[in-house]
C-alpha atoms as a PDB file:
ATOM      1  CA  UNK A   1    -102.841 -31.731  88.671  1.00  0.00           C
ATOM      2  CA  UNK A   2    -104.244 -28.219  88.993  1.00  0.00           C
ATOM      3  CA  UNK A   3    -105.233 -27.303  92.533  1.00  0.00           C
ATOM      4  CA  UNK A   4    -108.163 -25.036  93.270  1.00  0.00           C
ATOM      5  CA  UNK A   5    -110.971 -24.030  90.925  1.00  0.00           C
ATOM      6  CA  UNK A   6    -110.435 -23.741  87.202  1.00  0.00           C
ATOM      7  CA  UNK A   7    -110.543 -20.208  85.782  1.00  0.00           C
ATOM      8  CA  UNK A   8    -113.887 -18.952  84.612  1.00  0.00           C
ATOM      9  CA  UNK A   9    -114.225 -18.647  80.874  1.00  0.00           C
ATOM     10  CA  UNK A  10    -114.082 -15.183  79.317  1.00  0.00           C
ATOM     11  CA  UNK A  11    -117.422 -13.437  79.806  1.00  0.00           C
ATOM     12  CA  UNK A  12    -117.363 -12.000  76.264  1.00  0.00           C
ATOM     13  CA  UNK A  13    -114.677 -13.834  74.279  1.00  0.00           C
ATOM     14  CA  UNK A  14    -113.654 -12.877  70.785  1.00  0.00           C
ATOM     15  CA  UNK A  15    -114.819 -15.297  68.061  1.00  0.00           C
ATOM     16  CA  UNK A  16    -113.385 -18.728  68.681  1.00  0.00           C
ATOM     17  CA  UNK A  17    -111.747 -17.441  71.901  1.00  0.00           C
ATOM     18  CA  UNK A  18    -108.788 -16.138  69.894  1.00  0.00           C
ATOM     19  CA  UNK A  19    -106.136 -13.720  71.115  1.00  0.00           C
ATOM     20  CA  UNK A  20    -105.722 -10.327  69.460  1.00  0.00           C
ATOM     21  CA  UNK A  21    -102.993  -7.689  69.398  1.00  0.00           C
ATOM     22  CA  UNK A  22    -101.409  -5.216  66.977  1.00  0.00           C
ATOM     23  CA  UNK A  23     -97.666  -5.121  66.305  1.00  0.00           C
ATOM     24  CA  UNK A  24     -95.219  -2.694  64.775  1.00  0.00           C
ATOM     25  CA  UNK A  25     -92.094  -4.708  63.987  1.00  0.00           C
ATOM     26  CA  UNK A  26     -88.912  -3.681  65.804  1.00  0.00           C
ATOM     27  CA  UNK A  27     -86.492  -1.642  63.716  1.00  0.00           C
ATOM     28  CA  UNK A  28     -83.453  -2.653  65.783  1.00  0.00           C
ATOM     29  CA  UNK A  29     -80.652  -4.095  63.662  1.00  0.00           C
ATOM     30  CA  UNK A  30     -79.456  -7.532  64.765  1.00  0.00           C
ATOM     31  CA  UNK A  31     -76.049  -9.206  64.402  1.00  0.00           C
ATOM     32  CA  UNK A  32     -76.884 -10.400  60.876  1.00  0.00           C
ATOM     33  CA  UNK A  33     -77.866  -6.915  59.732  1.00  0.00           C
ATOM     34  CA  UNK A  34     -81.593  -7.705  59.781  1.00  0.00           C
ATOM     35  CA  UNK A  35     -84.042  -5.470  61.660  1.00  0.00           C
ATOM     36  CA  UNK A  36     -86.800  -7.310  63.450  1.00  0.00           C
ATOM     37  CA  UNK A  37     -88.108  -9.262  66.396  1.00  0.00           C
ATOM     38  CA  UNK A  38     -87.134 -12.118  68.673  1.00  0.00           C
ATOM     39  CA  UNK A  39     -87.296 -15.577  67.045  1.00  0.00           C
ATOM     40  CA  UNK A  40     -89.400 -18.066  69.009  1.00  0.00           C
ATOM     41  CA  UNK A  41     -91.872 -20.908  68.676  1.00  0.00           C
ATOM     42  CA  UNK A  42     -95.186 -21.847  70.245  1.00  0.00           C
ATOM     43  CA  UNK A  43     -95.808 -25.305  71.641  1.00  0.00           C
ATOM     44  CA  UNK A  44     -99.564 -25.725  71.049  1.00  0.00           C
ATOM     45  CA  UNK A  45    -100.821 -22.508  69.402  1.00  0.00           C
ATOM     46  CA  UNK A  46    -101.073 -21.561  65.741  1.00  0.00           C
ATOM     47  CA  UNK A  47    -100.385 -17.864  65.135  1.00  0.00           C
ATOM     48  CA  UNK A  48    -101.482 -15.686  62.209  1.00  0.00           C
ATOM     49  CA  UNK A  49    -100.208 -12.336  60.929  1.00  0.00           C
ATOM     50  CA  UNK A  50    -102.689 -10.118  59.091  1.00  0.00           C
ATOM     51  CA  UNK A  51    -100.615  -7.317  57.560  1.00  0.00           C
ATOM     52  CA  UNK A  52    -102.319  -3.931  57.742  1.00  0.00           C
ATOM     53  CA  UNK A  53     -99.512  -1.724  56.454  1.00  0.00           C
ATOM     54  CA  UNK A  54     -95.913  -1.432  55.365  1.00  0.00           C
ATOM     55  CA  UNK A  55     -93.718  -4.267  54.229  1.00  0.00           C
ATOM     56  CA  UNK A  56     -91.358  -6.841  55.663  1.00  0.00           C
ATOM     57  CA  UNK A  57     -91.158 -10.596  56.027  1.00  0.00           C
ATOM     58  CA  UNK A  58     -91.504 -13.474  58.428  1.00  0.00           C
ATOM     59  CA  UNK A  59     -88.572 -15.884  58.516  1.00  0.00           C
ATOM     60  CA  UNK A  60     -89.455 -19.425  59.566  1.00  0.00           C
ATOM     61  CA  UNK A  61     -87.615 -22.625  60.475  1.00  0.00           C
ATOM     62  CA  UNK A  62     -89.568 -25.867  60.241  1.00  0.00           C
ATOM     63  CA  UNK A  63     -89.517 -29.269  58.573  1.00  0.00           C
ATOM     64  CA  UNK A  64     -89.578 -27.206  55.350  1.00  0.00           C
ATOM     65  CA  UNK A  65     -86.186 -25.740  56.256  1.00  0.00           C
ATOM     66  CA  UNK A  66     -85.636 -21.981  56.179  1.00  0.00           C
ATOM     67  CA  UNK A  67     -88.263 -19.794  54.521  1.00  0.00           C
ATOM     68  CA  UNK A  68     -88.432 -16.019  54.055  1.00  0.00           C
ATOM     69  CA  UNK A  69     -92.104 -15.150  53.483  1.00  0.00           C
ATOM     70  CA  UNK A  70     -92.722 -11.614  52.143  1.00  0.00           C
ATOM     71  CA  UNK A  71     -95.298  -9.494  53.958  1.00  0.00           C
ATOM     72  CA  UNK A  72     -97.170  -6.477  52.643  1.00  0.00           C
ATOM     73  CA  UNK A  73    -100.541  -4.862  53.259  1.00  0.00           C
ATOM     74  CA  UNK A  74    -103.223  -7.497  52.764  1.00  0.00           C
ATOM     75  CA  UNK A  75    -100.900 -10.472  53.296  1.00  0.00           C
ATOM     76  CA  UNK A  76    -101.861 -13.213  55.722  1.00  0.00           C
ATOM     77  CA  UNK A  77     -99.278 -15.683  57.029  1.00  0.00           C
ATOM     78  CA  UNK A  78     -99.728 -18.288  59.738  1.00  0.00           C
ATOM     79  CA  UNK A  79     -97.529 -20.904  61.361  1.00  0.00           C
ATOM     80  CA  UNK A  80     -98.310 -24.024  63.327  1.00  0.00           C
ATOM     81  CA  UNK A  81     -96.840 -25.139  66.683  1.00  0.00           C
ATOM     82  CA  UNK A  82     -93.126 -25.856  66.522  1.00  0.00           C
ATOM     83  CA  UNK A  83     -92.411 -23.378  63.722  1.00  0.00           C
ATOM     84  CA  UNK A  84     -89.662 -20.935  64.682  1.00  0.00           C
ATOM     85  CA  UNK A  85     -90.678 -17.499  63.408  1.00  0.00           C
ATOM     86  CA  UNK A  86     -88.948 -14.129  63.243  1.00  0.00           C
ATOM     87  CA  UNK A  87     -90.721 -10.955  62.140  1.00  0.00           C
ATOM     88  CA  UNK A  88     -88.534  -8.798  59.885  1.00  0.00           C
ATOM     89  CA  UNK A  89     -89.021  -5.067  59.456  1.00  0.00           C
ATOM     90  CA  UNK A  90     -88.883  -3.842  55.857  1.00  0.00           C
ATOM     91  CA  UNK A  91     -90.510  -0.441  56.271  1.00  0.00           C
ATOM     92  CA  UNK A  92     -93.325   0.577  58.624  1.00  0.00           C
ATOM     93  CA  UNK A  93     -94.522  -3.043  58.918  1.00  0.00           C
ATOM     94  CA  UNK A  94     -97.761  -3.219  60.916  1.00  0.00           C
ATOM     95  CA  UNK A  95     -99.491  -6.480  61.724  1.00  0.00           C
ATOM     96  CA  UNK A  96    -102.640  -7.602  63.518  1.00  0.00           C
ATOM     97  CA  UNK A  97    -101.883 -10.863  65.304  1.00  0.00           C
ATOM     98  CA  UNK A  98    -104.536 -13.547  65.757  1.00  0.00           C
ATOM     99  CA  UNK A  99    -103.552 -16.230  68.257  1.00  0.00           C
ATOM    100  CA  UNK A 100    -105.144 -19.625  68.764  1.00  0.00           C
ATOM    101  CA  UNK A 101    -106.030 -20.717  72.309  1.00  0.00           C
ATOM    102  CA  UNK A 102    -106.167 -17.255  73.792  1.00  0.00           C
ATOM    103  CA  UNK A 103    -104.538 -17.123  77.206  1.00  0.00           C
ATOM    104  CA  UNK A 104    -101.999 -19.890  76.586  1.00  0.00           C
ATOM    105  CA  UNK A 105     -99.282 -17.709  75.008  1.00  0.00           C
ATOM    106  CA  UNK A 106     -99.514 -15.305  77.956  1.00  0.00           C
ATOM    107  CA  UNK A 107     -99.204 -18.314  80.282  1.00  0.00           C
ATOM    108  CA  UNK A 108     -95.900 -19.334  78.709  1.00  0.00           C
ATOM    109  CA  UNK A 109     -96.688 -21.040  75.383  1.00  0.00           C
ATOM    110  CA  UNK A 110     -93.745 -19.410  73.637  1.00  0.00           C
ATOM    111  CA  UNK A 111     -90.045 -20.232  73.904  1.00  0.00           C
ATOM    112  CA  UNK A 112     -87.252 -18.031  72.578  1.00  0.00           C
ATOM    113  CA  UNK A 113     -84.446 -19.492  70.483  1.00  0.00           C
ATOM    114  CA  UNK A 114     -81.826 -18.753  73.120  1.00  0.00           C
ATOM    115  CA  UNK A 115     -78.503 -20.653  72.932  1.00  0.00           C
ATOM    116  CA  UNK A 116     -78.572 -24.246  74.267  1.00  0.00           C
ATOM    117  CA  UNK A 117     -76.826 -23.427  77.549  1.00  0.00           C
ATOM    118  CA  UNK A 118     -79.566 -20.920  78.426  1.00  0.00           C
ATOM    119  CA  UNK A 119     -82.363 -23.312  77.451  1.00  0.00           C
ATOM    120  CA  UNK A 120     -80.823 -26.005  79.662  1.00  0.00           C
ATOM    121  CA  UNK A 121     -81.114 -23.834  82.798  1.00  0.00           C
ATOM    122  CA  UNK A 122     -84.705 -22.811  83.676  1.00  0.00           C
ATOM    123  CA  UNK A 123     -83.473 -20.053  85.964  1.00  0.00           C
ATOM    124  CA  UNK A 124     -81.187 -18.588  83.318  1.00  0.00           C
ATOM    125  CA  UNK A 125     -83.952 -18.842  80.739  1.00  0.00           C
ATOM    126  CA  UNK A 126     -86.453 -17.036  82.967  1.00  0.00           C
ATOM    127  CA  UNK A 127     -83.960 -14.258  83.683  1.00  0.00           C
ATOM    128  CA  UNK A 128     -83.202 -13.763  79.987  1.00  0.00           C
ATOM    129  CA  UNK A 129     -86.856 -13.906  78.903  1.00  0.00           C
ATOM    130  CA  UNK A 130     -88.333 -11.561  81.506  1.00  0.00           C
ATOM    131  CA  UNK A 131     -88.721  -7.811  81.112  1.00  0.00           C
ATOM    132  CA  UNK A 132     -89.066  -5.014  83.676  1.00  0.00           C
ATOM    133  CA  UNK A 133     -92.602  -3.604  83.874  1.00  0.00           C
ATOM    134  CA  UNK A 134     -93.617  -0.587  81.861  1.00  0.00           C
ATOM    135  CA  UNK A 135     -92.496   0.822  78.535  1.00  0.00           C
ATOM    136  CA  UNK A 136     -89.541   2.998  79.549  1.00  0.00           C
ATOM    137  CA  UNK A 137     -85.854   2.919  78.499  1.00  0.00           C
ATOM    138  CA  UNK A 138     -84.976   0.105  80.922  1.00  0.00           C
ATOM    139  CA  UNK A 139     -87.660  -2.120  79.426  1.00  0.00           C
ATOM    140  CA  UNK A 140     -86.588  -1.253  75.895  1.00  0.00           C
ATOM    141  CA  UNK A 141     -82.963  -2.133  76.659  1.00  0.00           C
ATOM    142  CA  UNK A 142     -83.987  -5.462  78.190  1.00  0.00           C
ATOM    143  CA  UNK A 143     -86.228  -6.267  75.205  1.00  0.00           C
ATOM    144  CA  UNK A 144     -83.360  -5.562  72.846  1.00  0.00           C
ATOM    145  CA  UNK A 145     -80.962  -7.769  74.835  1.00  0.00           C
ATOM    146  CA  UNK A 146     -83.580 -10.525  74.780  1.00  0.00           C
ATOM    147  CA  UNK A 147     -83.987 -10.149  71.021  1.00  0.00           C
ATOM    148  CA  UNK A 148     -80.235 -10.281  70.438  1.00  0.00           C
ATOM    149  CA  UNK A 149     -79.860 -13.441  72.530  1.00  0.00           C
ATOM    150  CA  UNK A 150     -82.718 -15.116  70.644  1.00  0.00           C
ATOM    151  CA  UNK A 151     -81.163 -14.164  67.304  1.00  0.00           C
ATOM    152  CA  UNK A 152     -77.848 -15.643  68.436  1.00  0.00           C
ATOM    153  CA  UNK A 153     -79.436 -19.044  68.971  1.00  0.00           C
ATOM    154  CA  UNK A 154     -81.634 -18.724  65.888  1.00  0.00           C
ATOM    155  CA  UNK A 155     -78.724 -18.113  63.528  1.00  0.00           C
ATOM    156  CA  UNK A 156     -77.106 -21.363  64.674  1.00  0.00           C
ATOM    157  CA  UNK A 157     -80.325 -23.287  64.027  1.00  0.00           C
ATOM    158  CA  UNK A 158     -80.739 -21.692  60.614  1.00  0.00           C
ATOM    159  CA  UNK A 159     -77.158 -22.403  59.605  1.00  0.00           C
ATOM    160  CA  UNK A 160     -77.491 -26.073  60.574  1.00  0.00           C
ATOM    161  CA  UNK A 161     -80.765 -26.452  58.640  1.00  0.00           C
ATOM    162  CA  UNK A 162     -79.195 -24.826  55.580  1.00  0.00           C
ATOM    163  CA  UNK A 163     -76.422 -27.440  55.781  1.00  0.00           C
ATOM    164  CA  UNK A 164     -78.991 -30.231  55.897  1.00  0.00           C
ATOM    165  CA  UNK A 165     -78.662 -30.874  59.626  1.00  0.00           C
ATOM    166  CA  UNK A 166     -82.031 -30.744  61.402  1.00  0.00           C
ATOM    167  CA  UNK A 167     -80.544 -32.033  64.658  1.00  0.00           C
ATOM    168  CA  UNK A 168     -80.099 -28.660  66.427  1.00  0.00           C
ATOM    169  CA  UNK A 169     -83.604 -27.575  65.413  1.00  0.00           C
ATOM    170  CA  UNK A 170     -85.114 -30.804  66.770  1.00  0.00           C
ATOM    171  CA  UNK A 171     -83.104 -30.486  69.966  1.00  0.00           C
ATOM    172  CA  UNK A 172     -84.352 -26.931  70.398  1.00  0.00           C
ATOM    173  CA  UNK A 173     -87.924 -28.224  70.153  1.00  0.00           C
ATOM    174  CA  UNK A 174     -87.172 -30.866  72.795  1.00  0.00           C
ATOM    175  CA  UNK A 175     -85.568 -28.272  75.069  1.00  0.00           C
ATOM    176  CA  UNK A 176     -88.602 -26.008  74.652  1.00  0.00           C
ATOM    177  CA  UNK A 177     -90.919 -28.869  75.599  1.00  0.00           C
ATOM    178  CA  UNK A 178     -88.872 -29.583  78.729  1.00  0.00           C
ATOM    179  CA  UNK A 179     -89.046 -25.928  79.764  1.00  0.00           C
ATOM    180  CA  UNK A 180     -92.847 -25.764  79.621  1.00  0.00           C
ATOM    181  CA  UNK A 181     -93.779 -29.240  80.838  1.00  0.00           C
ATOM    182  CA  UNK A 182     -94.764 -28.102  84.333  1.00  0.00           C
ATOM    183  CA  UNK A 183     -97.093 -25.462  82.860  1.00  0.00           C
ATOM    184  CA  UNK A 184     -99.285 -27.950  80.997  1.00  0.00           C
ATOM    185  CA  UNK A 185    -101.895 -28.383  83.787  1.00  0.00           C
ATOM    186  CA  UNK A 186    -102.439 -24.619  83.849  1.00  0.00           C
ATOM    187  CA  UNK A 187    -102.668 -24.503  80.060  1.00  0.00           C
ATOM    188  CA  UNK A 188    -105.192 -27.318  80.074  1.00  0.00           C
ATOM    189  CA  UNK A 189    -107.412 -25.381  82.493  1.00  0.00           C
ATOM    190  CA  UNK A 190    -107.164 -22.231  80.365  1.00  0.00           C
ATOM    191  CA  UNK A 191    -107.960 -24.163  77.205  1.00  0.00           C
ATOM    192  CA  UNK A 192    -111.007 -25.772  78.801  1.00  0.00           C
ATOM    193  CA  UNK A 193    -112.284 -22.404  80.022  1.00  0.00           C
ATOM    194  CA  UNK A 194    -111.535 -20.628  76.729  1.00  0.00           C
ATOM    195  CA  UNK A 195    -111.215 -22.293  73.325  1.00  0.00           C
ATOM    196  CA  UNK A 196    -112.818 -25.610  74.279  1.00  0.00           C
ATOM    197  CA  UNK A 197    -115.735 -23.912  76.046  1.00  0.00           C
ATOM    198  CA  UNK A 198    -116.348 -21.737  72.961  1.00  0.00           C
ATOM    199  CA  UNK A 199    -116.468 -24.797  70.703  1.00  0.00           C
ATOM    200  CA  UNK A 200    -118.750 -26.632  73.124  1.00  0.00           C
ATOM    201  CA  UNK A 201    -121.151 -23.668  73.182  1.00  0.00           C
ATOM    202  CA  UNK A 202    -121.448 -23.955  69.412  1.00  0.00           C
ATOM    203  CA  UNK A 203    -122.154 -27.671  69.752  1.00  0.00           C
ATOM    204  CA  UNK A 204    -124.887 -26.988  72.301  1.00  0.00           C
ATOM    205  CA  UNK A 205    -126.413 -24.341  70.039  1.00  0.00           C
ATOM    206  CA  UNK A 206    -126.429 -26.751  67.100  1.00  0.00           C
ATOM    207  CA  UNK A 207    -128.144 -29.360  69.262  1.00  0.00           C
ATOM    208  CA  UNK A 208    -130.761 -26.798  70.297  1.00  0.00           C
ATOM    209  CA  UNK A 209    -131.412 -25.726  66.709  1.00  0.00           C
ATOM    210  CA  UNK A 210    -131.771 -29.351  65.659  1.00  0.00           C
ATOM    211  CA  UNK A 211    -134.497 -29.611  68.311  1.00  0.00           C
ATOM    212  CA  UNK A 212    -136.159 -26.446  67.004  1.00  0.00           C
ATOM    213  CA  UNK A 213    -135.124 -24.406  70.052  1.00  0.00           C
ATOM    214  CA  UNK A 214    -133.602 -20.969  69.254  1.00  0.00           C
ATOM    215  CA  UNK A 215    -133.626 -19.798  72.895  1.00  0.00           C
ATOM    216  CA  UNK A 216    -129.951 -18.795  72.841  1.00  0.00           C
ATOM    217  CA  UNK A 217    -130.729 -16.140  70.214  1.00  0.00           C
ATOM    218  CA  UNK A 218    -132.586 -14.162  72.890  1.00  0.00           C
ATOM    219  CA  UNK A 219    -129.175 -13.419  74.450  1.00  0.00           C
ATOM    220  CA  UNK A 220    -127.929 -11.663  71.299  1.00  0.00           C
ATOM    221  CA  UNK A 221    -125.930  -8.484  71.907  1.00  0.00           C
ATOM    222  CA  UNK A 222    -122.868  -6.574  70.661  1.00  0.00           C
ATOM    223  CA  UNK A 223    -119.569  -5.639  72.306  1.00  0.00           C
ATOM    224  CA  UNK A 224    -116.745  -3.255  71.547  1.00  0.00           C
ATOM    225  CA  UNK A 225    -113.234  -2.647  72.836  1.00  0.00           C
ATOM    226  CA  UNK A 226    -110.218  -0.422  72.282  1.00  0.00           C
ATOM    227  CA  UNK A 227    -106.557  -1.078  73.096  1.00  0.00           C
ATOM    228  CA  UNK A 228    -105.852  -0.714  76.795  1.00  0.00           C
ATOM    229  CA  UNK A 229    -102.089  -0.311  76.416  1.00  0.00           C
ATOM    230  CA  UNK A 230    -100.146   1.087  73.482  1.00  0.00           C
ATOM    231  CA  UNK A 231     -96.540   0.364  72.608  1.00  0.00           C
ATOM    232  CA  UNK A 232     -95.781  -2.520  74.937  1.00  0.00           C
ATOM    233  CA  UNK A 233     -92.696  -4.630  74.240  1.00  0.00           C
ATOM    234  CA  UNK A 234     -93.738  -7.921  72.687  1.00  0.00           C
ATOM    235  CA  UNK A 235     -91.642 -10.702  71.230  1.00  0.00           C
ATOM    236  CA  UNK A 236     -91.813  -9.407  67.662  1.00  0.00           C
ATOM    237  CA  UNK A 237     -92.304  -5.683  68.106  1.00  0.00           C
ATOM    238  CA  UNK A 238     -94.118  -2.874  69.896  1.00  0.00           C
ATOM    239  CA  UNK A 239     -97.522  -4.243  70.827  1.00  0.00           C
ATOM    240  CA  UNK A 240    -100.934  -2.648  71.350  1.00  0.00           C
ATOM    241  CA  UNK A 241    -102.917  -4.790  73.761  1.00  0.00           C
ATOM    242  CA  UNK A 242    -106.552  -5.261  74.742  1.00  0.00           C
ATOM    243  CA  UNK A 243    -107.843  -5.718  78.283  1.00  0.00           C
ATOM    244  CA  UNK A 244    -110.414  -8.266  77.150  1.00  0.00           C
ATOM    245  CA  UNK A 245    -110.504 -11.410  79.287  1.00  0.00           C
ATOM    246  CA  UNK A 246    -108.511 -14.102  77.554  1.00  0.00           C
ATOM    247  CA  UNK A 247    -106.940 -11.951  74.841  1.00  0.00           C
ATOM    248  CA  UNK A 248    -103.592 -10.208  75.325  1.00  0.00           C
ATOM    249  CA  UNK A 249    -103.449  -9.951  79.135  1.00  0.00           C
ATOM    250  CA  UNK A 250    -102.990 -13.288  80.930  1.00  0.00           C
ATOM    251  CA  UNK A 251    -105.806 -15.159  82.590  1.00  0.00           C
ATOM    252  CA  UNK A 252    -105.691 -15.137  86.408  1.00  0.00           C
ATOM    253  CA  UNK A 253    -103.614 -18.088  87.555  1.00  0.00           C
ATOM    254  CA  UNK A 254    -105.797 -21.011  88.670  1.00  0.00           C
END
């Protein structure tokens, strides 16, 4: 159970309480000769890439096996919980990321495809997944080590799927679920304060309109925002982030 008060919902959430960031895919070459990000999955969030420039691909592992989905300006690709995804740089690839259940990914709803021995040890996983603060050379080196370790585990999963063996992929999903289990109460509180609250507001507004009451329209206004940090080190690439409550930065812990 969550102790203490639940977090307040975002004062001015983006539509549907989604998360928003902008990514430039890493151009670091990995062990397989591919330049790109750190393969990972989300446990309860669907993620979408809206490509704004350049070209590349997103590689996925799922019940469909291995897929290599081309990306170019105007492309939209999205992947549901449990889908391992790896952003691949093909040339100045730039993506706007839309994330379901804003706040949950920043609270831990993402697990890297590290090798099984790392996934089995929560302390080792946390050490491998964490980055020093800031955007300097030390952070870059740590992000690259993290990417390389995730690719190491990913290549084993991909090879097994290509051979018709989904066992390692399924075991990775189970290991990911074990790693995050203790975080679920916090996620539930964030979901209630964010995405669920946004949907419930719409329901209340529909009820009011059905009764002929448009009172909520008197609160109409507009908001704007600009990135608060440029060039942070995300899972897939360099990330521009917004300081909007419930978007890229994490919610306060309940």
